[in-house]
Amino acid sequence: YRQAPGNQRELVANFASGGSTNYADSVKGRFTISRDNAKNTV
């Protein structure tokens, strides 16, 4: 998520339980969410 000055906190990208991804329209095509389970890192 992100919060810019004067803005509400908004979703940027996320993984759902099954591993599917969602992106805010404003970042789609520019941002990519990924994970490394071995490192417990997103």
PDB file of all heavy atoms in Angstrom:
ATOM      1  N   TYR A   1       0.846  -1.177   0.000  1.00  0.00           N
ATOM      2  CA  TYR A   1       0.000   0.000   0.000  1.00  0.00           C
ATOM      3  C   TYR A   1       0.886   1.232   0.000  1.00  0.00           C
ATOM      4  O   TYR A   1       2.079   1.155   0.285  1.00  0.00           O
ATOM      5  CB  TYR A   1      -0.902   0.016   1.233  1.00  0.00           C
ATOM      6  CG  TYR A   1      -1.993  -1.037   1.222  1.00  0.00           C
ATOM      7  CD1 TYR A   1      -1.702  -2.386   1.364  1.00  0.00           C
ATOM      8  CD2 TYR A   1      -3.331  -0.667   1.082  1.00  0.00           C
ATOM      9  CE1 TYR A   1      -2.695  -3.346   1.354  1.00  0.00           C
ATOM     10  CE2 TYR A   1      -4.334  -1.621   1.082  1.00  0.00           C
ATOM     11  CZ  TYR A   1      -4.013  -2.956   1.211  1.00  0.00           C
ATOM     12  OH  TYR A   1      -5.011  -3.896   1.207  1.00  0.00           O
ATOM     13  N   ARG A   2       0.296   2.369  -0.311  1.00  0.00           N
ATOM     14  CA  ARG A   2       1.046   3.606  -0.242  1.00  0.00           C
ATOM     15  C   ARG A   2       0.143   4.733   0.222  1.00  0.00           C
ATOM     16  O   ARG A   2      -1.075   4.688   0.056  1.00  0.00           O
ATOM     17  CB  ARG A   2       1.679   3.953  -1.591  1.00  0.00           C
ATOM     18  CG  ARG A   2       0.690   4.320  -2.689  1.00  0.00           C
ATOM     19  CD  ARG A   2       1.413   4.515  -4.008  1.00  0.00           C
ATOM     20  NE  ARG A   2       0.506   4.896  -5.079  1.00  0.00           N
ATOM     21  CZ  ARG A   2       0.850   4.992  -6.350  1.00  0.00           C
ATOM     22  NH1 ARG A   2       2.105   4.728  -6.726  1.00  0.00           N
ATOM     23  NH2 ARG A   2      -0.048   5.349  -7.259  1.00  0.00           N
ATOM     24  N   GLN A   3       0.774   5.724   0.793  1.00  0.00           N
ATOM     25  CA  GLN A   3       0.059   6.903   1.247  1.00  0.00           C
ATOM     26  C   GLN A   3       0.873   8.131   0.870  1.00  0.00           C
ATOM     27  O   GLN A   3       1.983   8.331   1.360  1.00  0.00           O
ATOM     28  CB  GLN A   3      -0.186   6.864   2.752  1.00  0.00           C
ATOM     29  CG  GLN A   3      -1.076   7.979   3.248  1.00  0.00           C
ATOM     30  CD  GLN A   3      -1.598   7.727   4.648  1.00  0.00           C
ATOM     31  OE1 GLN A   3      -1.025   6.941   5.401  1.00  0.00           O
ATOM     32  NE2 GLN A   3      -2.686   8.377   5.000  1.00  0.00           N
ATOM     33  N   ALA A   4       0.306   8.934  -0.006  1.00  0.00           N
ATOM     34  CA  ALA A   4       0.930  10.165  -0.450  1.00  0.00           C
ATOM     35  C   ALA A   4       0.371  11.334   0.349  1.00  0.00           C
ATOM     36  O   ALA A   4      -0.729  11.237   0.910  1.00  0.00           O
ATOM     37  CB  ALA A   4       0.683  10.379  -1.940  1.00  0.00           C
ATOM     38  N   PRO A   5       1.090  12.441   0.404  1.00  0.00           N
ATOM     39  CA  PRO A   5       0.581  13.608   1.122  1.00  0.00           C
ATOM     40  C   PRO A   5      -0.794  14.028   0.621  1.00  0.00           C
ATOM     41  O   PRO A   5      -1.009  14.168  -0.586  1.00  0.00           O
ATOM     42  CB  PRO A   5       1.622  14.686   0.830  1.00  0.00           C
ATOM     43  CG  PRO A   5       2.880  13.922   0.574  1.00  0.00           C
ATOM     44  CD  PRO A   5       2.441  12.675  -0.139  1.00  0.00           C
ATOM     45  N   GLY A   6      -1.730  14.188   1.539  1.00  0.00           N
ATOM     46  CA  GLY A   6      -3.071  14.587   1.186  1.00  0.00           C
ATOM     47  C   GLY A   6      -3.954  13.482   0.652  1.00  0.00           C
ATOM     48  O   GLY A   6      -5.094  13.754   0.260  1.00  0.00           O
ATOM     49  N   ASN A   7      -3.443  12.262   0.623  1.00  0.00           N
ATOM     50  CA  ASN A   7      -4.201  11.137   0.094  1.00  0.00           C
ATOM     51  C   ASN A   7      -4.473  10.092   1.162  1.00  0.00           C
ATOM     52  O   ASN A   7      -3.789  10.013   2.182  1.00  0.00           O
ATOM     53  CB  ASN A   7      -3.461  10.477  -1.066  1.00  0.00           C
ATOM     54  CG  ASN A   7      -3.458  11.314  -2.325  1.00  0.00           C
ATOM     55  OD1 ASN A   7      -3.051  12.470  -2.312  1.00  0.00           O
ATOM     56  ND2 ASN A   7      -3.916  10.728  -3.419  1.00  0.00           N
ATOM     57  N   GLN A   8      -5.471   9.274   0.895  1.00  0.00           N
ATOM     58  CA  GLN A   8      -5.731   8.111   1.720  1.00  0.00           C
ATOM     59  C   GLN A   8      -4.731   7.013   1.379  1.00  0.00           C
ATOM     60  O   GLN A   8      -4.165   6.985   0.285  1.00  0.00           O
ATOM     61  CB  GLN A   8      -7.152   7.603   1.501  1.00  0.00           C
ATOM     62  CG  GLN A   8      -8.248   8.580   1.872  1.00  0.00           C
ATOM     63  CD  GLN A   8      -8.333   8.796   3.355  1.00  0.00           C
ATOM     64  OE1 GLN A   8      -8.339   7.833   4.139  1.00  0.00           O
ATOM     65  NE2 GLN A   8      -8.396  10.047   3.781  1.00  0.00           N
ATOM     66  N   ARG A   9      -4.525   6.117   2.312  1.00  0.00           N
ATOM     67  CA  ARG A   9      -3.699   4.961   2.026  1.00  0.00           C
ATOM     68  C   ARG A   9      -4.432   4.075   1.019  1.00  0.00           C
ATOM     69  O   ARG A   9      -5.616   3.777   1.181  1.00  0.00           O
ATOM     70  CB  ARG A   9      -3.391   4.180   3.306  1.00  0.00           C
ATOM     71  CG  ARG A   9      -2.353   3.087   3.115  1.00  0.00           C
ATOM     72  CD  ARG A   9      -1.917   2.487   4.446  1.00  0.00           C
ATOM     73  NE  ARG A   9      -1.266   3.464   5.302  1.00  0.00           N
ATOM     74  CZ  ARG A   9      -0.687   3.180   6.465  1.00  0.00           C
ATOM     75  NH1 ARG A   9      -0.670   1.926   6.903  1.00  0.00           N
ATOM     76  NH2 ARG A   9      -0.135   4.141   7.184  1.00  0.00           N
ATOM     77  N   GLU A  10      -3.733   3.672  -0.018  1.00  0.00           N
ATOM     78  CA  GLU A  10      -4.359   2.927  -1.091  1.00  0.00           C
ATOM     79  C   GLU A  10      -3.578   1.669  -1.429  1.00  0.00           C
ATOM     80  O   GLU A  10      -2.361   1.604  -1.258  1.00  0.00           O
ATOM     81  CB  GLU A  10      -4.487   3.798  -2.347  1.00  0.00           C
ATOM     82  CG  GLU A  10      -3.149   4.216  -2.938  1.00  0.00           C
ATOM     83  CD  GLU A  10      -3.282   5.016  -4.217  1.00  0.00           C
ATOM     84  OE1 GLU A  10      -4.407   5.162  -4.730  1.00  0.00           O
ATOM     85  OE2 GLU A  10      -2.248   5.506  -4.715  1.00  0.00           O
ATOM     86  N   LEU A  11      -4.303   0.693  -1.928  1.00  0.00           N
ATOM     87  CA  LEU A  11      -3.682  -0.541  -2.386  1.00  0.00           C
ATOM     88  C   LEU A  11      -2.860  -0.274  -3.636  1.00  0.00           C
ATOM     89  O   LEU A  11      -3.314   0.387  -4.569  1.00  0.00           O
ATOM     90  CB  LEU A  11      -4.752  -1.592  -2.684  1.00  0.00           C
ATOM     91  CG  LEU A  11      -4.257  -2.882  -3.345  1.00  0.00           C
ATOM     92  CD1 LEU A  11      -3.443  -3.710  -2.356  1.00  0.00           C
ATOM     93  CD2 LEU A  11      -5.420  -3.699  -3.889  1.00  0.00           C
ATOM     94  N   VAL A  12      -1.650  -0.802  -3.658  1.00  0.00           N
ATOM     95  CA  VAL A  12      -0.800  -0.754  -4.837  1.00  0.00           C
ATOM     96  C   VAL A  12      -0.814  -2.101  -5.550  1.00  0.00           C
ATOM     97  O   VAL A  12      -1.080  -2.185  -6.755  1.00  0.00           O
ATOM     98  CB  VAL A  12       0.643  -0.369  -4.472  1.00  0.00           C
ATOM     99  CG1 VAL A  12       1.530  -0.379  -5.715  1.00  0.00           C
ATOM    100  CG2 VAL A  12       0.671   0.998  -3.802  1.00  0.00           C
ATOM    101  N   ALA A  13      -0.514  -3.154  -4.825  1.00  0.00           N
ATOM    102  CA  ALA A  13      -0.488  -4.504  -5.375  1.00  0.00           C
ATOM    103  C   ALA A  13      -0.564  -5.494  -4.236  1.00  0.00           C
ATOM    104  O   ALA A  13      -0.080  -5.219  -3.138  1.00  0.00           O
ATOM    105  CB  ALA A  13       0.776  -4.746  -6.200  1.00  0.00           C
ATOM    106  N   ASN A  14      -1.148  -6.648  -4.494  1.00  0.00           N
ATOM    107  CA  ASN A  14      -1.214  -7.652  -3.446  1.00  0.00           C
ATOM    108  C   ASN A  14      -1.326  -9.059  -4.007  1.00  0.00           C
ATOM    109  O   ASN A  14      -1.719  -9.254  -5.159  1.00  0.00           O
ATOM    110  CB  ASN A  14      -2.379  -7.377  -2.484  1.00  0.00           C
ATOM    111  CG  ASN A  14      -3.731  -7.776  -3.044  1.00  0.00           C
ATOM    112  OD1 ASN A  14      -4.071  -7.443  -4.179  1.00  0.00           O
ATOM    113  ND2 ASN A  14      -4.511  -8.484  -2.239  1.00  0.00           N
ATOM    114  N   PHE A  15      -0.959 -10.003  -3.176  1.00  0.00           N
ATOM    115  CA  PHE A  15      -1.199 -11.418  -3.417  1.00  0.00           C
ATOM    116  C   PHE A  15      -2.412 -11.834  -2.620  1.00  0.00           C
ATOM    117  O   PHE A  15      -2.517 -11.538  -1.434  1.00  0.00           O
ATOM    118  CB  PHE A  15      -0.018 -12.271  -2.974  1.00  0.00           C
ATOM    119  CG  PHE A  15       1.144 -12.276  -3.901  1.00  0.00           C
ATOM    120  CD1 PHE A  15       2.315 -11.627  -3.570  1.00  0.00           C
ATOM    121  CD2 PHE A  15       1.081 -12.954  -5.103  1.00  0.00           C
ATOM    122  CE1 PHE A  15       3.402 -11.642  -4.413  1.00  0.00           C
ATOM    123  CE2 PHE A  15       2.166 -12.979  -5.962  1.00  0.00           C
ATOM    124  CZ  PHE A  15       3.325 -12.319  -5.608  1.00  0.00           C
ATOM    125  N   ALA A  16      -3.322 -12.545  -3.264  1.00  0.00           N
ATOM    126  CA  ALA A  16      -4.416 -13.183  -2.559  1.00  0.00           C
ATOM    127  C   ALA A  16      -3.958 -14.545  -2.063  1.00  0.00           C
ATOM    128  O   ALA A  16      -2.825 -14.975  -2.309  1.00  0.00           O
ATOM    129  CB  ALA A  16      -5.637 -13.310  -3.474  1.00  0.00           C
ATOM    130  N   SER A  17      -4.842 -15.235  -1.356  1.00  0.00           N
ATOM    131  CA  SER A  17      -4.477 -16.506  -0.739  1.00  0.00           C
ATOM    132  C   SER A  17      -3.972 -17.526  -1.753  1.00  0.00           C
ATOM    133  O   SER A  17      -3.026 -18.263  -1.470  1.00  0.00           O
ATOM    134  CB  SER A  17      -5.679 -17.082   0.020  1.00  0.00           C
ATOM    135  OG  SER A  17      -6.070 -16.238   1.081  1.00  0.00           O
ATOM    136  N   GLY A  18      -4.587 -17.562  -2.914  1.00  0.00           N
ATOM    137  CA  GLY A  18      -4.202 -18.523  -3.928  1.00  0.00           C
ATOM    138  C   GLY A  18      -3.015 -18.111  -4.765  1.00  0.00           C
ATOM    139  O   GLY A  18      -2.616 -18.853  -5.668  1.00  0.00           O
ATOM    140  N   GLY A  19      -2.460 -16.950  -4.493  1.00  0.00           N
ATOM    141  CA  GLY A  19      -1.309 -16.475  -5.236  1.00  0.00           C
ATOM    142  C   GLY A  19      -1.632 -15.544  -6.386  1.00  0.00           C
ATOM    143  O   GLY A  19      -0.715 -15.039  -7.038  1.00  0.00           O
ATOM    144  N   SER A  20      -2.901 -15.319  -6.651  1.00  0.00           N
ATOM    145  CA  SER A  20      -3.269 -14.374  -7.692  1.00  0.00           C
ATOM    146  C   SER A  20      -2.895 -12.965  -7.263  1.00  0.00           C
ATOM    147  O   SER A  20      -2.792 -12.668  -6.074  1.00  0.00           O
ATOM    148  CB  SER A  20      -4.760 -14.458  -8.004  1.00  0.00           C
ATOM    149  OG  SER A  20      -5.527 -14.152  -6.851  1.00  0.00           O
ATOM    150  N   THR A  21      -2.706 -12.098  -8.230  1.00  0.00           N
ATOM    151  CA  THR A  21      -2.263 -10.743  -7.946  1.00  0.00           C
ATOM    152  C   THR A  21      -3.293  -9.718  -8.369  1.00  0.00           C
ATOM    153  O   THR A  21      -4.081  -9.943  -9.280  1.00  0.00           O
ATOM    154  CB  THR A  21      -0.937 -10.437  -8.656  1.00  0.00           C
ATOM    155  OG1 THR A  21      -1.097 -10.628 -10.070  1.00  0.00           O
ATOM    156  CG2 THR A  21       0.162 -11.358  -8.159  1.00  0.00           C
ATOM    157  N   ASN A  22      -3.258  -8.592  -7.698  1.00  0.00           N
ATOM    158  CA  ASN A  22      -4.091  -7.450  -8.029  1.00  0.00           C
ATOM    159  C   ASN A  22      -3.227  -6.204  -8.036  1.00  0.00           C
ATOM    160  O   ASN A  22      -2.312  -6.074  -7.225  1.00  0.00           O
ATOM    161  CB  ASN A  22      -5.226  -7.283  -7.022  1.00  0.00           C
ATOM    162  CG  ASN A  22      -6.199  -8.438  -7.037  1.00  0.00           C
ATOM    163  OD1 ASN A  22      -6.948  -8.612  -7.993  1.00  0.00           O
ATOM    164  ND2 ASN A  22      -6.180  -9.238  -5.977  1.00  0.00           N
ATOM    165  N   TYR A  23      -3.530  -5.289  -8.935  1.00  0.00           N
ATOM    166  CA  TYR A  23      -2.790  -4.047  -9.045  1.00  0.00           C
ATOM    167  C   TYR A  23      -3.747  -2.879  -9.148  1.00  0.00           C
ATOM    168  O   TYR A  23      -4.815  -2.980  -9.758  1.00  0.00           O
ATOM    169  CB  TYR A  23      -1.897  -4.034 -10.282  1.00  0.00           C
ATOM    170  CG  TYR A  23      -0.766  -5.024 -10.260  1.00  0.00           C
ATOM    171  CD1 TYR A  23      -0.924  -6.294 -10.801  1.00  0.00           C
ATOM    172  CD2 TYR A  23       0.464  -4.682  -9.708  1.00  0.00           C
ATOM    173  CE1 TYR A  23       0.114  -7.201 -10.783  1.00  0.00           C
ATOM    174  CE2 TYR A  23       1.508  -5.588  -9.688  1.00  0.00           C
ATOM    175  CZ  TYR A  23       1.329  -6.846 -10.230  1.00  0.00           C
ATOM    176  OH  TYR A  23       2.367  -7.749 -10.216  1.00  0.00           O
ATOM    177  N   ALA A  24      -3.342  -1.773  -8.566  1.00  0.00           N
ATOM    178  CA  ALA A  24      -4.069  -0.541  -8.801  1.00  0.00           C
ATOM    179  C   ALA A  24      -3.932  -0.152 -10.268  1.00  0.00           C
ATOM    180  O   ALA A  24      -2.888  -0.368 -10.890  1.00  0.00           O
ATOM    181  CB  ALA A  24      -3.526   0.571  -7.910  1.00  0.00           C
ATOM    182  N   ASP A  25      -4.995   0.416 -10.817  1.00  0.00           N
ATOM    183  CA  ASP A  25      -4.949   0.815 -12.219  1.00  0.00           C
ATOM    184  C   ASP A  25      -3.802   1.786 -12.502  1.00  0.00           C
ATOM    185  O   ASP A  25      -3.214   1.762 -13.590  1.00  0.00           O
ATOM    186  CB  ASP A  25      -6.272   1.463 -12.625  1.00  0.00           C
ATOM    187  CG  ASP A  25      -7.406   0.462 -12.741  1.00  0.00           C
ATOM    188  OD1 ASP A  25      -7.129  -0.755 -12.867  1.00  0.00           O
ATOM    189  OD2 ASP A  25      -8.569   0.887 -12.710  1.00  0.00           O
ATOM    190  N   SER A  26      -3.474   2.606 -11.537  1.00  0.00           N
ATOM    191  CA  SER A  26      -2.455   3.618 -11.729  1.00  0.00           C
ATOM    192  C   SER A  26      -1.048   3.043 -11.866  1.00  0.00           C
ATOM    193  O   SER A  26      -0.153   3.738 -12.356  1.00  0.00           O
ATOM    194  CB  SER A  26      -2.486   4.626 -10.580  1.00  0.00           C
ATOM    195  OG  SER A  26      -2.258   3.984  -9.341  1.00  0.00           O
ATOM    196  N   VAL A  27      -0.838   1.802 -11.430  1.00  0.00           N
ATOM    197  CA  VAL A  27       0.496   1.205 -11.487  1.00  0.00           C
ATOM    198  C   VAL A  27       0.564  -0.001 -12.408  1.00  0.00           C
ATOM    199  O   VAL A  27       1.663  -0.519 -12.659  1.00  0.00           O
ATOM    200  CB  VAL A  27       1.003   0.809 -10.087  1.00  0.00           C
ATOM    201  CG1 VAL A  27       0.889   1.981  -9.123  1.00  0.00           C
ATOM    202  CG2 VAL A  27       0.251  -0.403  -9.548  1.00  0.00           C
ATOM    203  N   LYS A  28      -0.561  -0.447 -12.905  1.00  0.00           N
ATOM    204  CA  LYS A  28      -0.598  -1.629 -13.754  1.00  0.00           C
ATOM    205  C   LYS A  28       0.280  -1.423 -14.984  1.00  0.00           C
ATOM    206  O   LYS A  28       0.207  -0.398 -15.657  1.00  0.00           O
ATOM    207  CB  LYS A  28      -2.038  -1.938 -14.148  1.00  0.00           C
ATOM    208  CG  LYS A  28      -2.257  -3.324 -14.713  1.00  0.00           C
ATOM    209  CD  LYS A  28      -3.754  -3.616 -14.869  1.00  0.00           C
ATOM    210  CE  LYS A  28      -4.482  -3.567 -13.537  1.00  0.00           C
ATOM    211  NZ  LYS A  28      -5.928  -3.873 -13.671  1.00  0.00           N
ATOM    212  N   GLY A  29       1.108  -2.405 -15.256  1.00  0.00           N
ATOM    213  CA  GLY A  29       2.030  -2.318 -16.370  1.00  0.00           C
ATOM    214  C   GLY A  29       3.368  -1.719 -16.014  1.00  0.00           C
ATOM    215  O   GLY A  29       4.313  -1.811 -16.807  1.00  0.00           O
ATOM    216  N   ARG A  30       3.472  -1.109 -14.850  1.00  0.00           N
ATOM    217  CA  ARG A  30       4.719  -0.505 -14.405  1.00  0.00           C
ATOM    218  C   ARG A  30       5.303  -1.191 -13.182  1.00  0.00           C
ATOM    219  O   ARG A  30       6.524  -1.266 -13.041  1.00  0.00           O
ATOM    220  CB  ARG A  30       4.523   0.979 -14.088  1.00  0.00           C
ATOM    221  CG  ARG A  30       4.046   1.804 -15.275  1.00  0.00           C
ATOM    222  CD  ARG A  30       4.046   3.294 -14.945  1.00  0.00           C
ATOM    223  NE  ARG A  30       3.106   3.616 -13.873  1.00  0.00           N
ATOM    224  CZ  ARG A  30       3.449   4.175 -12.711  1.00  0.00           C
ATOM    225  NH1 ARG A  30       4.725   4.475 -12.465  1.00  0.00           N
ATOM    226  NH2 ARG A  30       2.525   4.438 -11.796  1.00  0.00           N
ATOM    227  N   PHE A  31       4.440  -1.664 -12.297  1.00  0.00           N
ATOM    228  CA  PHE A  31       4.869  -2.304 -11.055  1.00  0.00           C
ATOM    229  C   PHE A  31       4.612  -3.801 -11.129  1.00  0.00           C
ATOM    230  O   PHE A  31       3.641  -4.244 -11.759  1.00  0.00           O
ATOM    231  CB  PHE A  31       4.109  -1.747  -9.853  1.00  0.00           C
ATOM    232  CG  PHE A  31       4.420  -0.316  -9.503  1.00  0.00           C
ATOM    233  CD1 PHE A  31       5.179   0.490 -10.329  1.00  0.00           C
ATOM    234  CD2 PHE A  31       3.931   0.217  -8.316  1.00  0.00           C
ATOM    235  CE1 PHE A  31       5.451   1.809 -10.000  1.00  0.00           C
ATOM    236  CE2 PHE A  31       4.198   1.533  -7.969  1.00  0.00           C
ATOM    237  CZ  PHE A  31       4.957   2.328  -8.814  1.00  0.00           C
ATOM    238  N   THR A  32       5.453  -4.562 -10.457  1.00  0.00           N
ATOM    239  CA  THR A  32       5.290  -6.002 -10.382  1.00  0.00           C
ATOM    240  C   THR A  32       5.533  -6.472  -8.961  1.00  0.00           C
ATOM    241  O   THR A  32       6.576  -6.167  -8.380  1.00  0.00           O
ATOM    242  CB  THR A  32       6.256  -6.735 -11.328  1.00  0.00           C
ATOM    243  OG1 THR A  32       6.077  -6.273 -12.669  1.00  0.00           O
ATOM    244  CG2 THR A  32       6.003  -8.242 -11.284  1.00  0.00           C
ATOM    245  N   ILE A  33       4.582  -7.212  -8.418  1.00  0.00           N
ATOM    246  CA  ILE A  33       4.758  -7.797  -7.100  1.00  0.00           C
ATOM    247  C   ILE A  33       5.242  -9.231  -7.264  1.00  0.00           C
ATOM    248  O   ILE A  33       4.781  -9.953  -8.147  1.00  0.00           O
ATOM    249  CB  ILE A  33       3.457  -7.732  -6.272  1.00  0.00           C
ATOM    250  CG1 ILE A  33       3.703  -8.181  -4.829  1.00  0.00           C
ATOM    251  CG2 ILE A  33       2.342  -8.558  -6.916  1.00  0.00           C
ATOM    252  CD1 ILE A  33       2.524  -7.929  -3.899  1.00  0.00           C
ATOM    253  N   SER A  34       6.178  -9.633  -6.431  1.00  0.00           N
ATOM    254  CA  SER A  34       6.707 -10.983  -6.472  1.00  0.00           C
ATOM    255  C   SER A  34       7.092 -11.405  -5.066  1.00  0.00           C
ATOM    256  O   SER A  34       7.066 -10.595  -4.139  1.00  0.00           O
ATOM    257  CB  SER A  34       7.912 -11.084  -7.420  1.00  0.00           C
ATOM    258  OG  SER A  34       8.969 -10.252  -6.978  1.00  0.00           O
ATOM    259  N   ARG A  35       7.441 -12.666  -4.920  1.00  0.00           N
ATOM    260  CA  ARG A  35       7.811 -13.158  -3.595  1.00  0.00           C
ATOM    261  C   ARG A  35       8.842 -14.262  -3.689  1.00  0.00           C
ATOM    262  O   ARG A  35       8.950 -14.971  -4.692  1.00  0.00           O
ATOM    263  CB  ARG A  35       6.576 -13.648  -2.838  1.00  0.00           C
ATOM    264  CG  ARG A  35       5.859 -14.812  -3.500  1.00  0.00           C
ATOM    265  CD  ARG A  35       4.566 -15.117  -2.771  1.00  0.00           C
ATOM    266  NE  ARG A  35       3.796 -16.156  -3.445  1.00  0.00           N
ATOM    267  CZ  ARG A  35       2.560 -16.485  -3.138  1.00  0.00           C
ATOM    268  NH1 ARG A  35       1.927 -15.846  -2.165  1.00  0.00           N
ATOM    269  NH2 ARG A  35       1.943 -17.445  -3.808  1.00  0.00           N
ATOM    270  N   ASP A  36       9.598 -14.384  -2.626  1.00  0.00           N
ATOM    271  CA  ASP A  36      10.567 -15.447  -2.465  1.00  0.00           C
ATOM    272  C   ASP A  36      10.214 -16.138  -1.156  1.00  0.00           C
ATOM    273  O   ASP A  36      10.535 -15.637  -0.076  1.00  0.00           O
ATOM    274  CB  ASP A  36      11.988 -14.895  -2.436  1.00  0.00           C
ATOM    275  CG  ASP A  36      13.040 -15.976  -2.401  1.00  0.00           C
ATOM    276  OD1 ASP A  36      12.745 -17.106  -1.963  1.00  0.00           O
ATOM    277  OD2 ASP A  36      14.185 -15.694  -2.811  1.00  0.00           O
ATOM    278  N   ASN A  37       9.532 -17.260  -1.259  1.00  0.00           N
ATOM    279  CA  ASN A  37       9.063 -17.944  -0.062  1.00  0.00           C
ATOM    280  C   ASN A  37      10.212 -18.418   0.826  1.00  0.00           C
ATOM    281  O   ASN A  37      10.092 -18.430   2.050  1.00  0.00           O
ATOM    282  CB  ASN A  37       8.179 -19.131  -0.443  1.00  0.00           C
ATOM    283  CG  ASN A  37       6.847 -18.707  -1.016  1.00  0.00           C
ATOM    284  OD1 ASN A  37       6.325 -17.647  -0.685  1.00  0.00           O
ATOM    285  ND2 ASN A  37       6.281 -19.543  -1.871  1.00  0.00           N
ATOM    286  N   ALA A  38      11.317 -18.801   0.212  1.00  0.00           N
ATOM    287  CA  ALA A  38      12.460 -19.265   0.984  1.00  0.00           C
ATOM    288  C   ALA A  38      13.024 -18.160   1.867  1.00  0.00           C
ATOM    289  O   ALA A  38      13.592 -18.435   2.929  1.00  0.00           O
ATOM    290  CB  ALA A  38      13.544 -19.808   0.062  1.00  0.00           C
ATOM    291  N   LYS A  39      12.885 -16.924   1.429  1.00  0.00           N
ATOM    292  CA  LYS A  39      13.388 -15.787   2.186  1.00  0.00           C
ATOM    293  C   LYS A  39      12.298 -15.056   2.951  1.00  0.00           C
ATOM    294  O   LYS A  39      12.580 -14.050   3.608  1.00  0.00           O
ATOM    295  CB  LYS A  39      14.102 -14.810   1.255  1.00  0.00           C
ATOM    296  CG  LYS A  39      15.333 -15.374   0.578  1.00  0.00           C
ATOM    297  CD  LYS A  39      15.993 -14.330  -0.309  1.00  0.00           C
ATOM    298  CE  LYS A  39      17.241 -14.887  -0.963  1.00  0.00           C
ATOM    299  NZ  LYS A  39      17.899 -13.879  -1.843  1.00  0.00           N
ATOM    300  N   ASN A  40      11.068 -15.555   2.863  1.00  0.00           N
ATOM    301  CA  ASN A  40       9.932 -14.915   3.514  1.00  0.00           C
ATOM    302  C   ASN A  40       9.851 -13.433   3.151  1.00  0.00           C
ATOM    303  O   ASN A  40       9.613 -12.583   4.011  1.00  0.00           O
ATOM    304  CB  ASN A  40      10.009 -15.082   5.034  1.00  0.00           C
ATOM    305  CG  ASN A  40      10.097 -16.529   5.467  1.00  0.00           C
ATOM    306  OD1 ASN A  40      10.965 -16.904   6.247  1.00  0.00           O
ATOM    307  ND2 ASN A  40       9.189 -17.359   4.959  1.00  0.00           N
ATOM    308  N   THR A  41      10.040 -13.157   1.882  1.00  0.00           N
ATOM    309  CA  THR A  41      10.141 -11.786   1.429  1.00  0.00           C
ATOM    310  C   THR A  41       9.235 -11.545   0.226  1.00  0.00           C
ATOM    311  O   THR A  41       9.155 -12.382  -0.675  1.00  0.00           O
ATOM    312  CB  THR A  41      11.586 -11.436   1.061  1.00  0.00           C
ATOM    313  OG1 THR A  41      12.417 -11.606   2.219  1.00  0.00           O
ATOM    314  CG2 THR A  41      11.699  -9.999   0.586  1.00  0.00           C
ATOM    315  N   VAL A  42       8.566 -10.408   0.237  1.00  0.00           N
ATOM    316  CA  VAL A  42       7.760  -9.948  -0.881  1.00  0.00           C
ATOM    317  C   VAL A  42       8.421  -8.711  -1.465  1.00  0.00           C
ATOM    318  O   VAL A  42       8.933  -7.859  -0.727  1.00  0.00           O
ATOM    319  CB  VAL A  42       6.317  -9.644  -0.442  1.00  0.00           C
ATOM    320  CG1 VAL A  42       5.524  -9.032  -1.584  1.00  0.00           C
ATOM    321  CG2 VAL A  42       5.636 -10.915   0.040  1.00  0.00           C
TER     322      VAL A  42
END
